[in-house]
Amino acid sequence: MIFKKNKKKPRKDATRDSSQSTPKKNATRETLQFKIIIRKKRNGKKLNEQEIKYLISEYAKFNIPDYQLAAFLMAVYFQGMDINETTDLMQAMMCSGKVLNLSNIRKPKIDKHSTGGVGDKVSLILAPLMASCGICVPMISGRGLGHTGGTLDKLESIPGFRTNLNLKSFILQLKRLGVAMIGQTGEIAPVDKKIYALRDVTATVASIPLIAASILSKKLAEDLDGLVLDIKFGSGAFMTDYKKTKKLARTMIRISERAGVKVTVVITDMNNPLGKYIGNSLEVMEAIESLKGRGSKDLMEVTFALGKEMLKMAKIKGGIQLLKKKISSNAALDIFKQIVCAQDGDALIFNDYTRLPVARHTYRVLATKSGYVHSIDNFQVGMLLVKLGGGRMQMEDRIDPSCGFQIYKKIGDRVKPGNCLVKIYCDNPSKARLVQREMRNVYVIRRKPQSRKKLIRETIRS
């Protein structure tokens, strides 16, 4: 299948919030035709390219009501889509907006995307690190929702940092620095934003075709030469089952191959929090420390694994040794400083963490018995951050960037009574004490030793 990139400007109403969308009065014919498509998918039949293009374009133009698209999403959730349908869905969503043209940038254009996890601040480290190696990184990221954090929320905890650059400023910064980190604009796959809002409220997020189409519709609109995906599984990921995670990986590779973009998937374990800190400003601080050469072993293992694959795609030699050299020489740290300055952030944070909005009060969660950490309910760790105010359950929820956790013990670690498991950062005493009580139930401690599981489970290349 050959993709034709859409050069047309999106309709002005295509970027409106889905909660405000109402079908036009003359949309009766479209509504009836859409009903036929819903019934077809509900009965497990395959949709053709024209049907998928039709429903996406008409929904983008507000000719089809939200309740009908919600029914369609539920039909897809239960009946699934084959690779042709999923590819057609991705292309239709991508072509609902602008497709970038970065041909004037001579560097290899490689991006990275993570399916999200607890304590995952890899993008903050990886983007400047890869730019320091000569790779152009056009990173368009998302916000946190539910138990997983978002790169944009972390960046916006830096005082003054702007993630809402327009596409012109975004491209200019890519030419100048080789990297820019922004949020999804109303010009890139705008229909995806509307559809994701419906997926969230209709509990259809965890559908492999819908996940693949959503992620790739945005990423392939970046005019990439290659894409590295960090697909996570486990209690802290939105997909807990390893087999389903692998199926998602292969689906995304097959779609990207059809688009002519090389993709590598690294499947990583998210049963443990990643790194030492969880919470927006705390994770910025940890990312800076990592770029100063003081990153935790697990966090750097994932960062280097993804970075190595990006170097391979760009045909740049050196591997992990080159990445370590860019950190030890402060080259990657300097790029991060330039990103912060270019996007109006406070560059003084690099030498003074008190300029970040970190809570002043802390509360400790202590072990009550001896033994070994056998498991951590990482999903609940993420949800407890939401209870503190550091996450959101709906996109319009406001976030407190100052709160979070410092993780002292992980799976496999030995503990004794009185050992600190987690330190809570929060300036709201009632919230902090509630979370302190509930955090004790997150850890399962037993006498028998527990082995540490492999963090990088598998690498799949196109």
Protein backbone atom coordinates (compact mmCIF):
# COMPACT_ATOMS: atom_id res chain seq x y z
CA MET A 1 0.00 0.00 0.00
CA ILE A 2 1.34 3.42 -0.94
CA PHE A 3 0.40 6.40 1.15
CA LYS A 4 -0.40 9.76 -0.40
CA LYS A 5 0.42 12.49 2.05
CA ASN A 6 -2.33 15.03 2.54
CA LYS A 7 -1.24 18.58 1.75
CA LYS A 8 -4.64 20.18 2.29
CA LYS A 9 -5.23 22.41 5.27
CA PRO A 10 -7.57 20.90 7.87
CA ARG A 11 -10.99 22.42 8.31
CA LYS A 12 -11.08 25.01 11.07
CA ASP A 13 -13.75 23.09 12.96
CA ALA A 14 -11.70 19.88 12.88
CA THR A 15 -9.75 20.88 15.99
CA ARG A 16 -12.73 21.66 18.21
CA ASP A 17 -13.07 19.79 21.46
CA SER A 18 -15.10 16.58 21.07
CA SER A 19 -17.32 17.54 23.98
CA GLN A 20 -18.54 20.48 21.91
CA SER A 21 -19.14 18.51 18.73
CA THR A 22 -22.69 18.31 17.45
CA PRO A 23 -23.77 16.88 14.10
CA LYS A 24 -24.94 19.27 11.46
CA LYS A 25 -28.69 19.42 10.79
CA ASN A 26 -28.24 18.11 7.27
CA ALA A 27 -26.22 15.10 8.42
CA THR A 28 -29.08 12.56 8.24
CA ARG A 29 -27.69 10.78 5.19
CA GLU A 30 -24.23 10.50 6.73
CA THR A 31 -25.70 9.24 10.01
CA LEU A 32 -27.64 6.49 8.25
CA GLN A 33 -24.66 5.45 6.17
CA PHE A 34 -22.50 5.39 9.27
CA LYS A 35 -25.09 3.13 10.93
CA ILE A 36 -24.52 0.60 8.15
CA ILE A 37 -20.76 0.71 8.75
CA ILE A 38 -21.23 0.24 12.52
CA ARG A 39 -23.49 -2.76 11.94
CA LYS A 40 -20.98 -4.29 9.55
CA LYS A 41 -18.15 -4.04 12.09
CA ARG A 42 -20.42 -5.13 14.94
CA ASN A 43 -21.11 -8.34 13.01
CA GLY A 44 -17.39 -8.99 12.62
CA LYS A 45 -17.08 -8.11 8.94
CA LYS A 46 -14.13 -6.28 7.41
CA LEU A 47 -14.39 -2.66 6.37
CA ASN A 48 -12.86 -1.47 3.13
CA GLU A 49 -10.63 1.57 2.68
CA GLN A 50 -13.44 3.78 1.36
CA GLU A 51 -15.71 3.02 4.34
CA ILE A 52 -12.97 3.85 6.84
CA LYS A 53 -11.99 7.05 5.04
CA TYR A 54 -15.64 8.05 4.89
CA LEU A 55 -16.37 7.60 8.58
CA ILE A 56 -13.19 9.41 9.71
CA SER A 57 -13.62 12.34 7.32
CA GLU A 58 -17.31 12.78 8.14
CA TYR A 59 -16.66 12.58 11.88
CA ALA A 60 -13.86 15.16 11.52
CA LYS A 61 -16.37 17.46 9.79
CA PHE A 62 -18.92 16.97 12.63
CA ASN A 63 -21.41 15.25 10.33
CA ILE A 64 -21.57 12.23 12.64
CA PRO A 65 -22.47 12.42 16.36
CA ASP A 66 -20.18 11.24 19.14
CA TYR A 67 -22.59 8.52 20.25
CA GLN A 68 -22.34 6.79 16.88
CA LEU A 69 -18.56 6.91 16.82
CA ALA A 70 -18.57 5.57 20.39
CA ALA A 71 -20.63 2.61 19.14
CA PHE A 72 -18.12 2.08 16.34
CA LEU A 73 -15.20 2.13 18.79
CA MET A 74 -16.91 -0.47 20.96
CA ALA A 75 -17.51 -2.66 17.90
CA VAL A 76 -13.79 -2.42 17.04
CA TYR A 77 -12.88 -3.18 20.66
CA PHE A 78 -14.79 -6.49 20.56
CA GLN A 79 -14.40 -7.49 16.89
CA GLY A 80 -10.93 -6.10 16.21
CA MET A 81 -9.48 -5.07 12.85
CA ASP A 82 -7.12 -6.84 10.50
CA ILE A 83 -3.87 -5.23 9.36
CA ASN A 84 -5.45 -3.67 6.24
CA GLU A 85 -8.26 -2.06 8.24
CA THR A 86 -5.87 -0.81 10.91
CA THR A 87 -3.53 0.65 8.28
CA ASP A 88 -6.45 2.39 6.54
CA LEU A 89 -7.66 3.76 9.88
CA MET A 90 -4.21 5.12 10.72
CA GLN A 91 -3.84 6.76 7.29
CA ALA A 92 -7.31 8.35 7.47
CA MET A 93 -6.54 9.77 10.92
CA MET A 94 -3.12 11.02 9.81
CA CYS A 95 -4.59 12.74 6.76
CA SER A 96 -7.19 14.56 8.85
CA GLY A 97 -4.50 17.22 9.38
CA LYS A 98 -1.11 18.35 8.17
CA VAL A 99 1.76 16.02 7.28
CA LEU A 100 5.10 17.69 7.92
CA ASN A 101 7.75 18.10 5.26
CA LEU A 102 11.19 18.05 6.89
CA SER A 103 13.14 17.30 3.71
CA ASN A 104 15.21 20.47 4.19
CA ILE A 105 16.70 18.99 7.35
CA ARG A 106 19.61 16.85 6.19
CA LYS A 107 20.09 14.98 9.46
CA PRO A 108 18.41 11.59 9.95
CA LYS A 109 15.01 12.21 11.52
CA ILE A 110 14.32 9.61 14.21
CA ASP A 111 11.73 9.84 16.98
CA LYS A 112 10.90 7.74 20.00
CA HIS A 113 7.54 6.96 21.57
CA SER A 114 6.65 5.16 24.80
CA THR A 115 3.29 3.62 25.59
CA GLY A 116 3.68 5.07 29.08
CA GLY A 117 4.58 3.88 32.52
CA VAL A 118 5.17 4.89 36.12
CA GLY A 119 8.30 7.01 36.52
CA ASP A 120 9.06 6.95 32.78
CA LYS A 121 11.06 10.11 32.13
CA VAL A 122 13.20 8.57 29.38
CA SER A 123 12.15 11.10 26.72
CA LEU A 124 13.59 13.96 28.76
CA ILE A 125 16.99 12.26 28.68
CA LEU A 126 16.87 10.61 25.29
CA ALA A 127 15.80 13.56 23.11
CA PRO A 128 18.78 15.81 23.96
CA LEU A 129 21.10 12.80 24.06
CA MET A 130 20.25 11.77 20.50
CA ALA A 131 20.41 15.37 19.26
CA SER A 132 23.95 15.57 20.65
CA CYS A 133 24.78 12.55 18.45
CA GLY A 134 23.63 14.33 15.27
CA ILE A 135 20.09 12.97 15.01
CA CYS A 136 17.09 15.25 14.44
CA VAL A 137 14.42 14.42 17.03
CA PRO A 138 11.00 15.96 16.20
CA MET A 139 9.31 14.88 19.43
CA ILE A 140 5.57 15.45 19.69
CA SER A 141 4.45 14.10 23.06
CA GLY A 142 1.30 13.70 25.12
CA ARG A 143 -0.05 14.33 28.59
CA GLY A 144 -0.50 11.85 31.39
CA LEU A 145 -3.88 10.23 31.91
CA GLY A 146 -4.76 7.76 34.65
CA HIS A 147 -1.84 5.96 36.24
CA THR A 148 0.78 6.84 33.59
CA GLY A 149 2.65 10.13 33.42
CA GLY A 150 3.04 12.40 30.40
CA THR A 151 6.15 14.03 28.96
CA LEU A 152 4.35 17.35 28.47
CA ASP A 153 3.34 17.54 32.13
CA LYS A 154 6.92 16.95 33.20
CA LEU A 155 8.27 19.62 30.85
CA GLU A 156 5.63 22.11 31.94
CA SER A 157 6.73 21.72 35.56
CA ILE A 158 9.81 23.72 34.46
CA PRO A 159 8.84 27.36 35.16
CA GLY A 160 8.00 29.13 31.91
CA PHE A 161 8.53 26.14 29.61
CA ARG A 162 6.29 26.30 26.53
CA THR A 163 5.14 23.08 24.86
CA ASN A 164 2.61 24.83 22.60
CA LEU A 165 4.94 25.93 19.81
CA ASN A 166 3.25 26.28 16.43
CA LEU A 167 4.50 24.13 13.60
CA LYS A 168 6.57 26.92 12.05
CA SER A 169 8.46 27.53 15.32
CA PHE A 170 8.76 23.78 15.82
CA ILE A 171 10.45 23.29 12.44
CA LEU A 172 12.74 26.31 12.91
CA GLN A 173 13.93 24.91 16.23
CA LEU A 174 14.54 21.51 14.65
CA LYS A 175 16.75 23.16 12.04
CA ARG A 176 18.66 25.14 14.68
CA LEU A 177 19.00 22.65 17.56
CA GLY A 178 18.11 19.33 15.97
CA VAL A 179 15.42 18.74 18.60
CA ALA A 180 12.15 20.21 19.83
CA MET A 181 9.66 18.83 22.36
CA ILE A 182 6.06 19.93 21.95
CA GLY A 183 2.49 18.73 22.39
CA GLN A 184 0.16 17.56 19.68
CA THR A 185 -1.05 20.64 17.83
CA GLY A 186 -4.49 21.07 16.32
CA GLU A 187 -2.84 20.65 12.93
CA ILE A 188 -1.39 17.14 13.47
CA ALA A 189 -3.97 14.32 13.23
CA PRO A 190 -6.69 16.47 14.85
CA VAL A 191 -9.31 13.75 14.61
CA ASP A 192 -7.14 11.53 16.83
CA LYS A 193 -7.63 13.95 19.72
CA LYS A 194 -11.41 13.75 19.33
CA ILE A 195 -11.38 9.97 19.05
CA TYR A 196 -9.04 9.50 22.00
CA ALA A 197 -11.37 11.51 24.23
CA LEU A 198 -14.18 9.10 23.30
CA ARG A 199 -11.96 6.06 23.81
CA ASP A 200 -11.16 7.29 27.30
CA VAL A 201 -14.78 7.72 28.42
CA THR A 202 -16.02 4.53 26.71
CA ALA A 203 -13.29 2.22 28.12
CA THR A 204 -12.02 1.31 24.65
CA VAL A 205 -8.44 2.54 25.11
CA ALA A 206 -6.92 -0.95 25.36
CA SER A 207 -7.69 -2.00 21.77
CA ILE A 208 -4.66 -2.94 19.68
CA PRO A 209 -5.98 -1.51 16.36
CA LEU A 210 -7.07 1.73 18.05
CA ILE A 211 -3.77 2.07 19.94
CA ALA A 212 -1.67 1.43 16.84
CA ALA A 213 -3.69 3.81 14.64
CA SER A 214 -3.64 6.55 17.27
CA ILE A 215 0.11 6.48 17.93
CA LEU A 216 1.22 6.06 14.33
CA SER A 217 -1.18 8.65 12.90
CA LYS A 218 0.73 11.29 14.89
CA LYS A 219 4.23 9.89 14.57
CA LEU A 220 4.15 9.16 10.84
CA ALA A 221 2.88 12.70 10.24
CA GLU A 222 6.31 13.90 11.44
CA ASP A 223 8.01 12.90 8.16
CA LEU A 224 10.33 10.49 9.96
CA ASP A 225 13.13 8.31 8.63
CA GLY A 226 12.71 5.96 11.56
CA LEU A 227 10.82 5.40 14.80
CA VAL A 228 11.77 3.54 17.96
CA LEU A 229 8.89 2.40 20.17
CA ASP A 230 9.17 1.55 23.86
CA ILE A 231 6.18 -0.71 24.39
CA LYS A 232 5.73 -1.58 28.05
CA PHE A 233 3.93 -4.40 29.80
CA GLY A 234 3.25 -5.22 33.43
CA SER A 235 1.33 -3.76 36.36
CA GLY A 236 2.49 -0.20 35.60
CA ALA A 237 1.65 -0.32 31.87
CA PHE A 238 -1.75 -0.05 30.22
CA MET A 239 -1.14 -3.54 28.77
CA THR A 240 -0.34 -6.10 31.45
CA ASP A 241 -0.20 -9.19 29.22
CA TYR A 242 3.09 -9.92 27.46
CA LYS A 243 1.52 -11.75 24.50
CA LYS A 244 -0.85 -8.85 23.76
CA THR A 245 2.05 -6.43 24.08
CA LYS A 246 4.00 -8.42 21.50
CA LYS A 247 0.97 -8.49 19.19
CA LEU A 248 0.74 -4.70 19.43
CA ALA A 249 4.45 -4.44 18.61
CA ARG A 250 4.13 -6.56 15.47
CA THR A 251 1.00 -4.67 14.36
CA MET A 252 2.77 -1.33 14.61
CA ILE A 253 5.80 -2.63 12.72
CA ARG A 254 3.66 -3.96 9.87
CA ILE A 255 1.76 -0.67 9.53
CA SER A 256 4.96 1.39 9.57
CA GLU A 257 6.57 -0.85 6.96
CA ARG A 258 3.65 -0.14 4.64
CA ALA A 259 4.25 3.57 5.19
CA GLY A 260 7.91 3.17 4.28
CA VAL A 261 9.17 4.05 7.77
CA LYS A 262 11.60 1.82 9.65
CA VAL A 263 10.42 0.89 13.13
CA THR A 264 12.09 -0.92 16.01
CA VAL A 265 10.13 -1.99 19.08
CA VAL A 266 11.80 -2.48 22.45
CA ILE A 267 9.52 -4.31 24.89
CA THR A 268 10.29 -3.30 28.49
CA ASP A 269 9.07 -4.48 31.89
CA MET A 270 6.95 -1.99 33.86
CA ASN A 271 6.26 -4.05 36.99
CA ASN A 272 8.70 -1.78 38.85
CA PRO A 273 8.63 2.02 38.84
CA LEU A 274 11.33 3.27 36.46
CA GLY A 275 14.10 5.25 38.14
CA LYS A 276 14.07 6.71 41.63
CA TYR A 277 11.39 9.39 41.38
CA ILE A 278 7.74 9.64 40.32
CA GLY A 279 6.08 13.01 39.86
CA ASN A 280 6.51 15.78 37.33
CA SER A 281 9.07 18.17 38.82
CA LEU A 282 10.87 15.31 40.61
CA GLU A 283 11.29 13.49 37.31
CA VAL A 284 12.70 16.60 35.65
CA MET A 285 15.26 16.76 38.44
CA GLU A 286 16.11 13.09 37.94
CA ALA A 287 16.45 13.57 34.18
CA ILE A 288 18.94 16.39 34.73
CA GLU A 289 20.88 14.25 37.20
CA SER A 290 20.94 11.46 34.62
CA LEU A 291 22.38 13.82 31.99
CA LYS A 292 25.02 14.77 34.55
CA GLY A 293 26.04 11.11 34.72
CA ARG A 294 24.19 10.21 37.91
CA GLY A 295 21.23 8.27 36.48
CA SER A 296 19.92 5.11 38.14
CA LYS A 297 20.88 1.79 36.60
CA ASP A 298 17.41 0.77 35.41
CA LEU A 299 16.56 4.16 33.94
CA MET A 300 19.81 4.34 32.00
CA GLU A 301 19.45 0.75 30.81
CA VAL A 302 16.18 1.61 29.06
CA THR A 303 17.55 4.93 27.79
CA PHE A 304 20.66 3.32 26.31
CA ALA A 305 18.69 0.43 24.79
CA LEU A 306 16.42 2.86 22.92
CA GLY A 307 19.29 5.19 22.03
CA LYS A 308 21.33 2.34 20.58
CA GLU A 309 18.44 1.46 18.25
CA MET A 310 18.07 5.08 17.17
CA LEU A 311 21.79 5.22 16.32
CA LYS A 312 21.44 2.03 14.25
CA MET A 313 18.56 3.53 12.27
CA ALA A 314 20.59 6.68 11.65
CA LYS A 315 23.62 4.57 10.65
CA ILE A 316 25.75 6.31 13.27
CA LYS A 317 28.47 4.15 14.77
CA GLY A 318 29.48 4.04 18.41
CA GLY A 319 26.51 2.45 20.13
CA ILE A 320 26.19 2.73 23.90
CA GLN A 321 29.80 3.90 24.26
CA LEU A 322 29.00 6.96 22.15
CA LEU A 323 25.94 7.68 24.29
CA LYS A 324 27.98 7.44 27.49
CA LYS A 325 30.60 9.75 25.99
CA LYS A 326 27.96 12.38 25.16
CA ILE A 327 26.81 12.27 28.78
CA SER A 328 30.29 12.34 30.35
CA SER A 329 31.27 15.31 28.17
CA ASN A 330 28.07 17.21 29.12
CA ALA A 331 27.19 17.48 25.41
CA ALA A 332 23.70 16.04 25.99
CA LEU A 333 23.16 18.20 29.07
CA ASP A 334 24.06 21.30 27.06
CA ILE A 335 21.44 20.38 24.43
CA PHE A 336 18.79 20.02 27.14
CA LYS A 337 19.71 23.47 28.45
CA GLN A 338 19.33 24.86 24.94
CA ILE A 339 15.89 23.22 24.60
CA VAL A 340 14.75 24.78 27.88
CA CYS A 341 16.05 28.22 26.86
CA ALA A 342 14.58 28.01 23.35
CA GLN A 343 11.16 27.11 24.75
CA ASP A 344 11.22 29.89 27.38
CA GLY A 345 11.95 27.70 30.40
CA ASP A 346 14.00 28.71 33.45
CA ALA A 347 17.55 27.57 32.64
CA LEU A 348 18.69 28.26 36.22
CA ILE A 349 17.06 24.99 37.32
CA PHE A 350 20.11 23.08 36.11
CA ASN A 351 22.17 24.44 38.99
CA ASP A 352 19.38 25.17 41.46
CA TYR A 353 16.65 22.56 41.89
CA THR A 354 14.83 24.77 44.39
CA ARG A 355 13.60 26.72 41.36
CA LEU A 356 11.52 23.66 40.46
CA PRO A 357 8.13 23.35 42.18
CA VAL A 358 9.03 20.50 44.56
CA ALA A 359 6.91 20.01 47.71
CA ARG A 360 8.64 21.06 50.93
CA HIS A 361 7.06 18.43 53.18
CA THR A 362 7.83 14.70 53.06
CA TYR A 363 6.31 11.60 54.64
CA ARG A 364 7.93 8.18 54.86
CA VAL A 365 6.36 4.76 54.27
CA LEU A 366 8.24 2.21 56.38
CA ALA A 367 8.54 -1.58 56.15
CA THR A 368 6.93 -3.42 59.07
CA LYS A 369 8.65 -6.80 58.61
CA SER A 370 11.80 -8.44 57.27
CA GLY A 371 12.00 -10.14 53.93
CA TYR A 372 12.23 -9.41 50.22
CA VAL A 373 10.02 -7.30 47.97
CA HIS A 374 8.14 -9.84 45.84
CA SER A 375 5.88 -7.46 43.96
CA ILE A 376 4.78 -3.85 43.68
CA ASP A 377 1.33 -2.91 42.44
CA ASN A 378 2.71 -0.34 40.04
CA PHE A 379 -0.75 0.56 38.78
CA GLN A 380 -1.71 1.61 42.30
CA VAL A 381 1.51 3.60 42.66
CA GLY A 382 0.44 5.64 39.64
CA MET A 383 -3.10 6.03 40.96
CA LEU A 384 -1.82 7.18 44.35
CA LEU A 385 0.07 9.93 42.54
CA VAL A 386 -3.28 10.96 41.05
CA LYS A 387 -4.72 11.06 44.59
CA LEU A 388 -1.92 13.38 45.64
CA GLY A 389 -2.81 15.66 42.73
CA GLY A 390 0.15 14.76 40.52
CA GLY A 391 -1.91 13.06 37.80
CA ARG A 392 -5.30 13.35 36.14
CA MET A 393 -8.29 11.14 35.47
CA GLN A 394 -9.73 13.48 32.84
CA MET A 395 -7.85 15.66 30.38
CA GLU A 396 -9.26 18.86 31.88
CA ASP A 397 -8.03 18.01 35.41
CA ARG A 398 -5.33 20.31 36.77
CA ILE A 399 -2.04 18.87 38.01
CA ASP A 400 0.07 19.74 41.03
CA PRO A 401 3.63 19.40 39.66
CA SER A 402 5.23 19.58 43.11
CA CYS A 403 4.07 16.26 44.57
CA GLY A 404 5.42 12.76 44.01
CA PHE A 405 7.35 9.81 45.37
CA GLN A 406 10.94 8.79 45.92
CA ILE A 407 11.28 5.02 45.57
CA TYR A 408 13.77 3.36 47.92
CA LYS A 409 12.93 -0.34 47.49
CA LYS A 410 12.04 -2.33 44.37
CA ILE A 411 11.27 -5.94 43.47
CA GLY A 412 14.06 -8.23 44.70
CA ASP A 413 15.38 -5.83 47.35
CA ARG A 414 15.82 -7.00 50.94
CA VAL A 415 14.06 -5.02 53.65
CA LYS A 416 14.04 -4.85 57.42
CA PRO A 417 11.48 -3.32 59.80
CA GLY A 418 11.87 0.43 59.76
CA ASN A 419 13.44 0.58 56.29
CA CYS A 420 11.99 3.32 54.11
CA LEU A 421 10.09 1.93 51.13
CA VAL A 422 8.83 5.21 49.70
CA LYS A 423 9.15 8.89 50.55
CA ILE A 424 6.10 10.99 49.75
CA TYR A 425 6.47 14.63 48.65
CA CYS A 426 3.29 16.61 49.32
CA ASP A 427 2.30 19.94 50.90
CA ASN A 428 -1.27 18.80 51.59
CA PRO A 429 -1.14 16.87 54.94
CA SER A 430 -4.54 15.16 54.61
CA LYS A 431 -3.79 13.86 51.11
CA ALA A 432 -0.29 12.80 52.13
CA ARG A 433 -1.44 10.79 55.17
CA LEU A 434 -4.17 9.06 53.15
CA VAL A 435 -1.67 8.04 50.48
CA GLN A 436 0.85 7.06 53.16
CA ARG A 437 -1.63 4.52 54.59
CA GLU A 438 -2.56 3.12 51.19
CA MET A 439 1.03 2.88 49.94
CA ARG A 440 1.78 0.17 52.51
CA ASN A 441 -0.59 -2.16 50.63
CA VAL A 442 1.27 -1.63 47.36
CA TYR A 443 4.27 -3.71 48.51
CA VAL A 444 4.20 -7.49 48.97
CA ILE A 445 7.08 -8.57 51.23
CA ARG A 446 7.87 -12.25 51.89
CA ARG A 447 10.68 -14.14 53.56
CA LYS A 448 11.77 -16.04 50.46
CA PRO A 449 14.20 -14.17 48.17
CA GLN A 450 12.78 -12.87 44.91
CA SER A 451 14.85 -12.70 41.73
CA ARG A 452 14.96 -9.50 39.70
CA LYS A 453 13.35 -9.81 36.30
CA LYS A 454 14.97 -8.79 33.05
CA LEU A 455 14.12 -5.18 32.21
CA ILE A 456 14.57 -5.32 28.42
CA ARG A 457 12.45 -8.29 27.40
CA GLU A 458 12.73 -8.25 23.63
CA THR A 459 13.75 -6.12 20.66
CA ILE A 460 11.83 -6.50 17.39
CA ARG A 461 13.08 -4.77 14.23
CA SER A 462 11.30 -4.16 10.93
